[in-house]
Amino acid sequence: MEYERERKRLVNSLREYNISEKTLNAIKKVSRHLFVPSVQIANAYIDHPLPIGYAQTISAPHMVAMMCDFLDLREGLNVLEIGAGSGYNAAVMTEIMGKKGNIYSIERLEKLAVFAQENLKKAGYSNVEILCKDGSHGLPEHAPYDRICVTASAPCTPLPLVEQLKPEGILVIPEGKRYQRLYRIRKDMEGNITKEDCGGVIFVPLVGDHGFNMLCGN
């Protein structure tokens, strides 16, 4: 298998983060070199974020793995991802969830949305739908969601995402501009929300009506 040795080395390096075995197995199966620009293929299995163009990045594998564990992904879930990027994060989630699950992934940059869809198709994943729109509004037409994963940092938790989360659902989102924190948000059966701080992170900003407005610089 192409790059098998590199994937094994990467998985072994991620064990220091106490990643679950099911997530490590998913990382091992996903061909990360198919989700980076050709100039970055030599760096594909280094545990580091990489540029994918348009001032965006593919997250470091350890961050992808940690977010997947925080989401507690299982087979057959209905999942919304905000920030498709190159499609890698969705591919890892798909490996964990299996073919019965559905992932709707929103990317605001049209060329990246096309890039992500092509990468997923090339890698053999058919149950991820990429849509080009403002992800801060969520995707009400396919709500509610068991899990929502946001891969860009918001100024605060977008209300539409909370509203589209199922009871007993989980939302994982980075928040902040200069100093960012990753939060795991849970909704109980009565609709009450709890918010858990999972540590400091660095993500690109979530741009949109319920995110940062780049025109205003906020």
Protein backbone atom coordinates (compact mmCIF):
# COMPACT_ATOMS: atom_id res chain seq x y z
CA MET A 1 0.00 0.00 0.00
CA GLU A 2 1.35 3.41 -0.99
CA TYR A 3 2.78 5.42 1.94
CA GLU A 4 1.88 2.61 4.37
CA ARG A 5 5.13 3.01 6.31
CA GLU A 6 4.59 6.77 6.64
CA ARG A 7 1.03 6.26 7.89
CA LYS A 8 2.17 3.74 10.50
CA ARG A 9 4.85 6.14 11.69
CA LEU A 10 2.30 8.93 11.95
CA VAL A 11 -0.13 6.76 13.93
CA ASN A 12 2.61 5.76 16.36
CA SER A 13 3.50 9.41 16.91
CA LEU A 14 -0.14 10.20 17.76
CA ARG A 15 -0.30 7.72 20.62
CA GLU A 16 1.21 10.30 22.96
CA TYR A 17 -2.06 12.25 22.69
CA ASN A 18 -4.07 9.31 24.10
CA ILE A 19 -6.10 9.02 20.92
CA SER A 20 -8.63 6.17 20.83
CA GLU A 21 -7.79 3.08 18.80
CA LYS A 22 -10.81 3.53 16.50
CA THR A 23 -9.59 7.01 15.56
CA LEU A 24 -6.00 5.83 15.13
CA ASN A 25 -7.24 3.09 12.82
CA ALA A 26 -9.10 5.69 10.76
CA ILE A 27 -6.00 7.91 10.51
CA LYS A 28 -4.04 4.87 9.37
CA LYS A 29 -6.54 4.12 6.60
CA VAL A 30 -6.87 7.62 5.13
CA SER A 31 -4.39 8.54 2.39
CA ARG A 32 -3.51 12.05 3.57
CA HIS A 33 -1.28 12.62 0.54
CA LEU A 34 -4.46 12.69 -1.59
CA PHE A 35 -5.72 15.70 0.40
CA VAL A 36 -2.77 18.08 0.06
CA PRO A 37 -1.49 20.11 -2.91
CA SER A 38 1.12 18.31 -4.99
CA VAL A 39 3.90 20.56 -3.63
CA GLN A 40 3.11 19.30 -0.10
CA ILE A 41 2.96 15.55 -0.78
CA ALA A 42 6.41 14.96 0.74
CA ASN A 43 5.11 16.49 4.00
CA ALA A 44 1.73 14.74 3.98
CA TYR A 45 2.44 12.41 6.90
CA ILE A 46 4.18 14.90 9.15
CA ASP A 47 2.07 15.83 12.18
CA HIS A 48 1.79 19.48 11.22
CA PRO A 49 -0.78 21.73 9.54
CA LEU A 50 -0.06 22.37 5.87
CA PRO A 51 -1.14 25.16 3.50
CA ILE A 52 -3.77 24.16 0.95
CA GLY A 53 -4.11 27.55 -0.76
CA TYR A 54 -6.43 30.55 -0.33
CA ALA A 55 -4.93 31.28 3.13
CA GLN A 56 -6.35 27.99 4.43
CA THR A 57 -4.71 24.92 5.95
CA ILE A 58 -5.22 21.20 6.46
CA SER A 59 -5.13 20.64 10.22
CA ALA A 60 -2.36 18.67 11.89
CA PRO A 61 -3.32 14.98 12.18
CA HIS A 62 -3.22 15.09 15.99
CA MET A 63 -5.80 17.89 15.99
CA VAL A 64 -8.04 16.02 13.54
CA ALA A 65 -7.77 12.92 15.74
CA MET A 66 -8.49 14.81 18.97
CA MET A 67 -11.56 16.49 17.50
CA CYS A 68 -12.86 13.14 16.26
CA ASP A 69 -12.49 11.71 19.76
CA PHE A 70 -14.21 14.72 21.34
CA LEU A 71 -17.10 14.19 18.92
CA ASP A 72 -17.51 10.55 20.00
CA LEU A 73 -18.30 9.46 16.45
CA ARG A 74 -20.23 6.25 15.89
CA GLU A 75 -21.72 4.33 12.99
CA GLY A 76 -24.74 5.81 11.25
CA LEU A 77 -24.67 9.37 12.61
CA ASN A 78 -25.88 12.47 10.79
CA VAL A 79 -22.94 14.89 10.90
CA LEU A 80 -22.43 18.50 9.84
CA GLU A 81 -18.92 19.81 9.23
CA ILE A 82 -18.22 23.53 8.90
CA GLY A 83 -15.02 24.10 6.94
CA ALA A 84 -14.38 21.29 4.46
CA GLY A 85 -10.88 22.48 3.60
CA SER A 86 -9.30 19.77 1.47
CA GLY A 87 -11.71 17.06 2.67
CA TYR A 88 -9.26 15.23 4.96
CA ASN A 89 -11.17 15.73 8.21
CA ALA A 90 -14.37 14.43 6.59
CA ALA A 91 -12.49 11.38 5.28
CA VAL A 92 -11.26 10.48 8.77
CA MET A 93 -14.76 10.94 10.22
CA THR A 94 -16.17 8.70 7.47
CA GLU A 95 -13.70 5.93 8.29
CA ILE A 96 -14.84 6.02 11.92
CA MET A 97 -18.58 6.18 11.14
CA GLY A 98 -18.75 3.70 8.28
CA LYS A 99 -20.85 3.84 5.13
CA LYS A 100 -24.18 4.15 6.99
CA GLY A 101 -23.34 7.62 8.27
CA ASN A 102 -23.89 10.90 6.45
CA ILE A 103 -21.59 13.92 6.43
CA TYR A 104 -22.61 17.30 5.06
CA SER A 105 -19.56 19.53 4.81
CA ILE A 106 -19.74 23.26 4.09
CA GLU A 107 -16.90 25.23 2.52
CA ARG A 108 -17.29 28.95 1.77
CA LEU A 109 -14.49 29.03 -0.85
CA GLU A 110 -15.75 27.56 -4.11
CA LYS A 111 -12.36 26.38 -5.41
CA LEU A 112 -11.63 24.62 -2.13
CA ALA A 113 -15.08 23.02 -2.16
CA VAL A 114 -14.31 21.58 -5.60
CA PHE A 115 -10.85 20.49 -4.42
CA ALA A 116 -12.33 18.72 -1.40
CA GLN A 117 -14.99 16.91 -3.42
CA GLU A 118 -12.43 15.76 -5.99
CA ASN A 119 -10.08 14.55 -3.24
CA LEU A 120 -12.84 12.58 -1.50
CA LYS A 121 -13.89 10.97 -4.77
CA LYS A 122 -10.27 10.10 -5.59
CA ALA A 123 -9.87 8.53 -2.15
CA GLY A 124 -13.06 6.48 -2.54
CA TYR A 125 -15.46 8.26 -0.16
CA SER A 126 -18.99 8.66 -1.47
CA ASN A 127 -21.08 9.56 1.61
CA VAL A 128 -19.73 13.11 2.06
CA GLU A 129 -21.60 15.97 0.39
CA ILE A 130 -19.67 19.23 -0.04
CA LEU A 131 -21.68 22.45 -0.25
CA CYS A 132 -20.38 25.94 -0.96
CA LYS A 133 -22.09 28.51 1.31
CA ASP A 134 -21.82 30.42 4.60
CA GLY A 135 -21.26 27.67 7.15
CA SER A 136 -21.99 29.91 10.13
CA HIS A 137 -25.71 29.44 9.30
CA GLY A 138 -25.36 25.68 9.45
CA LEU A 139 -27.47 23.60 7.08
CA PRO A 140 -31.08 23.60 8.30
CA GLU A 141 -32.42 21.48 5.42
CA HIS A 142 -30.67 18.37 6.77
CA ALA A 143 -30.95 19.17 10.50
CA PRO A 144 -31.01 18.08 13.22
CA TYR A 145 -27.49 16.70 13.54
CA ASP A 146 -26.05 14.13 15.94
CA ARG A 147 -22.67 15.82 15.68
CA ILE A 148 -21.38 19.16 14.41
CA CYS A 149 -17.67 19.72 13.80
CA VAL A 150 -16.35 23.25 13.15
CA THR A 151 -12.80 23.51 11.77
CA ALA A 152 -12.49 27.31 11.93
CA SER A 153 -12.51 29.58 14.96
CA ALA A 154 -15.65 31.62 15.70
CA PRO A 155 -15.95 34.74 17.90
CA CYS A 156 -18.62 32.83 19.87
CA THR A 157 -20.80 29.77 19.33
CA PRO A 158 -23.10 30.44 16.33
CA LEU A 159 -26.71 30.15 17.52
CA PRO A 160 -27.88 28.38 14.32
CA LEU A 161 -25.46 25.52 15.02
CA VAL A 162 -26.77 25.08 18.56
CA GLU A 163 -30.34 25.11 17.26
CA GLN A 164 -29.53 22.45 14.63
CA LEU A 165 -27.92 20.10 17.17
CA LYS A 166 -30.03 17.12 18.23
CA PRO A 167 -30.82 16.46 21.89
CA GLU A 168 -27.87 14.45 23.26
CA GLY A 169 -25.80 15.79 20.35
CA ILE A 170 -22.22 17.11 20.47
CA LEU A 171 -20.76 20.22 18.87
CA VAL A 172 -16.98 20.73 18.78
CA ILE A 173 -15.82 24.25 17.91
CA PRO A 174 -12.77 26.49 18.38
CA GLU A 175 -13.56 30.01 19.58
CA GLY A 176 -11.55 33.20 19.81
CA LYS A 177 -9.45 35.37 17.54
CA ARG A 178 -5.95 35.86 18.92
CA TYR A 179 -6.32 33.43 21.83
CA GLN A 180 -8.43 30.43 20.85
CA ARG A 181 -9.93 27.63 22.90
CA LEU A 182 -11.52 24.41 21.70
CA TYR A 183 -14.93 23.66 23.22
CA ARG A 184 -17.11 20.57 23.37
CA ILE A 185 -20.76 21.56 23.64
CA ARG A 186 -23.44 19.07 24.62
CA LYS A 187 -27.22 19.44 24.45
CA ASP A 188 -29.33 17.34 26.82
CA MET A 189 -32.83 15.99 26.21
CA GLU A 190 -34.38 19.18 27.61
CA GLY A 191 -32.29 21.37 25.33
CA ASN A 192 -29.92 22.55 28.06
CA ILE A 193 -26.35 23.30 26.98
CA THR A 194 -23.08 22.48 28.71
CA LYS A 195 -19.74 23.78 27.44
CA GLU A 196 -16.41 22.07 28.18
CA ASP A 197 -13.04 23.73 27.58
CA CYS A 198 -10.76 21.24 25.79
CA GLY A 199 -7.64 23.42 25.57
CA GLY A 200 -5.83 26.01 23.48
CA VAL A 201 -5.74 25.72 19.68
CA ILE A 202 -4.92 27.68 16.51
CA PHE A 203 -7.37 27.67 13.59
CA VAL A 204 -8.17 29.92 10.65
CA PRO A 205 -11.15 32.25 11.34
CA LEU A 206 -14.74 31.26 10.66
CA VAL A 207 -15.94 33.86 8.16
CA GLY A 208 -19.67 34.50 7.86
CA ASP A 209 -22.73 36.20 9.27
CA HIS A 210 -22.36 34.35 12.59
CA GLY A 211 -18.56 34.34 12.47
CA PHE A 212 -15.91 36.95 11.77
CA ASN A 213 -16.73 39.55 9.13
CA MET A 214 -13.55 40.02 7.12
CA LEU A 215 -14.86 43.21 5.54
CA CYS A 216 -15.16 44.84 8.94
CA GLY A 217 -12.11 43.17 10.41
CA ASN A 218 -13.98 41.97 13.52
